[in-house]
Each structure stands twice: as C-alpha cells, then as structure tokens.
C-alpha cells in the first residue's frame, strides 16, 4: 500500500478572502521574549538596588522604606521591562505597536469596559472590607 505525496501547494498559505487584512508576524524569534524578560528583570533589580543604596545613604530605613523609594523603584522597573522589550525587538529591524499587540480600538466600548472593570473592583473591594478581609 502506497501513499500519494502531498500536492506542491499544500504548505502554502490559503487564499485570503476579500476585505480581510493579513497580519504580519514579528520578525524576532520567540526565544528573544524570554531573554528580554530576564534582561529587563536583571536591569530592574540593579536599578532598585541603586535606588535603595541612595535612599539608605540619605537616611532611609532599609527594612521600612518610604513610599518615594518604592514608587521610584516601580517606575524604574517599568522602564527597564519596556526598554528591554523594545531593545530586543529593535535588534531584528523596525517594529510597530501592532507587533506588541497594541492596536487602535473604538472609544465608547473601551470606556464601557473600563467602567465595568472599575465597578467590579469597587464591588469586590467593598465585599472584602464588609467580610473582614478573610
């Protein structure tokens, strides 16, 4: 019993129906996401260490840091993670916000989902406090 070989066009992409936009895949290999995350976390850790050392040098308690230190370390962490993702994406050429999943949306549905999220947060927070937090 023999099997017929697959047709030549078997591995080609199917035809796109009219009116459908073809999404371009990012050029960078998938493993770069993991490396970018590790690099971003390492940079954030180093940044938080520098901020902590400066705070301690100016008299802050290391075990009970003031809110300014925590907020500054969080901003540095965010910048390191975003910068790492952009840096690794840039290594493989130009990129667009769509490569990161950022696409325009309609205004009113976005506002509706935002309001729904805030209402859910408020309801769950109220339930948490009414039940005593446990």
Protein backbone atom coordinates (compact mmCIF):
# COMPACT_ATOMS: atom_id res chain seq x y z
CA UNK A 1 0.00 0.00 0.00
CA UNK A 2 1.48 3.35 -1.02
CA UNK A 3 0.62 6.92 -0.19
CA UNK A 4 0.46 9.79 -2.62
CA UNK A 5 2.77 12.71 -1.92
CA UNK A 6 1.23 15.95 -0.76
CA UNK A 7 0.46 18.47 -3.52
CA UNK A 8 3.07 21.19 -4.07
CA UNK A 9 0.79 23.97 -2.80
CA UNK A 10 0.00 22.04 0.41
CA UNK A 11 2.38 24.10 2.55
CA UNK A 12 1.43 27.49 1.09
CA UNK A 13 -0.87 29.86 2.95
CA UNK A 14 -4.52 29.69 1.90
CA UNK A 15 -6.13 32.46 -0.11
CA UNK A 16 -7.28 35.42 1.90
CA UNK A 17 -10.93 36.35 1.43
CA UNK A 18 -11.58 39.87 0.13
CA UNK A 19 -11.72 42.55 2.82
CA UNK A 20 -9.62 40.58 5.33
CA UNK A 21 -6.36 42.16 6.45
CA UNK A 22 -3.34 39.86 6.68
CA UNK A 23 -1.40 40.34 9.92
CA UNK A 24 2.35 40.39 9.62
CA UNK A 25 4.19 38.24 12.14
CA UNK A 26 7.00 39.87 14.14
CA UNK A 27 10.49 39.19 12.75
CA UNK A 28 12.15 38.28 16.02
CA UNK A 29 12.39 34.63 17.13
CA UNK A 30 10.21 33.54 20.06
CA UNK A 31 13.16 32.83 22.38
CA UNK A 32 14.05 36.53 22.44
CA UNK A 33 10.97 37.20 24.58
CA UNK A 34 12.37 35.07 27.40
CA UNK A 35 15.83 36.65 27.11
CA UNK A 36 14.32 40.15 27.02
CA UNK A 37 12.29 39.38 30.15
CA UNK A 38 15.36 38.10 32.01
CA UNK A 39 17.42 41.12 30.88
CA UNK A 40 14.62 43.51 31.90
CA UNK A 41 14.28 41.91 35.33
CA UNK A 42 18.06 41.98 35.85
CA UNK A 43 18.17 45.68 34.92
CA UNK A 44 15.19 46.40 37.19
CA UNK A 45 16.86 44.58 40.07
CA UNK A 46 20.05 46.57 39.56
CA UNK A 47 18.06 49.82 39.37
CA UNK A 48 16.18 49.01 42.56
CA UNK A 49 19.47 48.22 44.27
CA UNK A 50 20.93 51.58 43.24
CA UNK A 51 17.79 53.40 44.40
CA UNK A 52 17.88 51.52 47.73
CA UNK A 53 21.54 52.35 48.29
CA UNK A 54 20.92 56.04 47.57
CA UNK A 55 17.90 56.03 49.90
CA UNK A 56 19.88 54.42 52.71
CA UNK A 57 22.72 56.89 52.14
CA UNK A 58 20.22 59.72 52.71
CA UNK A 59 18.95 58.17 55.96
CA UNK A 60 16.07 55.91 54.92
CA UNK A 61 15.49 52.69 56.83
CA UNK A 62 16.28 49.70 54.61
CA UNK A 63 13.59 47.47 56.18
CA UNK A 64 10.89 50.16 56.17
CA UNK A 65 11.41 52.18 53.00
CA UNK A 66 9.50 55.39 52.39
CA UNK A 67 6.84 55.36 49.64
CA UNK A 68 9.02 57.53 47.37
CA UNK A 69 11.62 54.76 47.17
CA UNK A 70 9.00 52.13 46.30
CA UNK A 71 7.36 54.34 43.69
CA UNK A 72 10.70 55.27 42.11
CA UNK A 73 11.78 51.60 42.02
CA UNK A 74 8.47 50.66 40.37
CA UNK A 75 8.91 53.33 37.69
CA UNK A 76 12.47 52.13 37.05
CA UNK A 77 11.21 48.54 36.83
CA UNK A 78 8.57 49.52 34.28
CA UNK A 79 11.10 51.43 32.19
CA UNK A 80 13.57 48.53 32.29
CA UNK A 81 11.00 45.96 31.17
CA UNK A 82 9.64 48.16 28.37
CA UNK A 83 13.13 49.21 27.30
CA UNK A 84 14.30 45.60 27.20
CA UNK A 85 11.37 44.54 25.00
CA UNK A 86 11.94 47.45 22.63
CA UNK A 87 15.70 46.85 22.54
CA UNK A 88 15.37 43.17 21.65
CA UNK A 89 12.67 43.90 19.06
CA UNK A 90 14.88 46.60 17.53
CA UNK A 91 17.70 44.08 17.08
CA UNK A 92 15.64 42.43 14.35
CA UNK A 93 14.65 45.55 12.43
CA UNK A 94 11.82 48.01 12.52
CA UNK A 95 8.74 47.25 14.54
CA UNK A 96 5.33 48.75 15.11
CA UNK A 97 2.98 48.85 18.12
CA UNK A 98 0.92 46.13 16.42
CA UNK A 99 3.88 43.75 16.81
CA UNK A 100 3.34 44.03 20.57
CA UNK A 101 -0.42 43.55 20.31
CA UNK A 102 -1.26 47.25 20.55
CA UNK A 103 -3.99 48.17 18.11
CA UNK A 104 -6.49 51.03 17.96
CA UNK A 105 -9.90 50.46 19.44
CA UNK A 106 -13.24 52.19 19.34
CA UNK A 107 -13.65 54.80 22.06
CA UNK A 108 -17.05 54.02 23.61
CA UNK A 109 -16.64 50.25 24.00
CA UNK A 110 -13.22 50.91 25.59
CA UNK A 111 -14.78 53.37 28.05
CA UNK A 112 -17.56 50.88 28.81
CA UNK A 113 -15.10 48.07 29.59
CA UNK A 114 -13.06 50.46 31.71
CA UNK A 115 -16.09 51.50 33.76
CA UNK A 116 -17.11 47.84 34.14
CA UNK A 117 -13.63 46.97 35.42
CA UNK A 118 -13.67 49.80 37.96
CA UNK A 119 -17.16 48.84 39.16
CA UNK A 120 -16.08 45.22 39.59
CA UNK A 121 -13.03 46.42 41.55
CA UNK A 122 -15.20 48.58 43.81
CA UNK A 123 -17.72 45.79 44.42
CA UNK A 124 -15.05 43.21 45.28
CA UNK A 125 -13.22 45.72 47.49
CA UNK A 126 -16.45 46.51 49.36
CA UNK A 127 -17.17 42.79 49.82
CA UNK A 128 -13.61 42.29 51.10
CA UNK A 129 -13.97 45.03 53.72
CA UNK A 130 -17.50 44.03 54.77
CA UNK A 131 -16.49 40.41 55.35
CA UNK A 132 -13.48 41.45 57.42
CA UNK A 133 -10.83 40.75 54.81
CA UNK A 134 -10.76 36.98 55.09
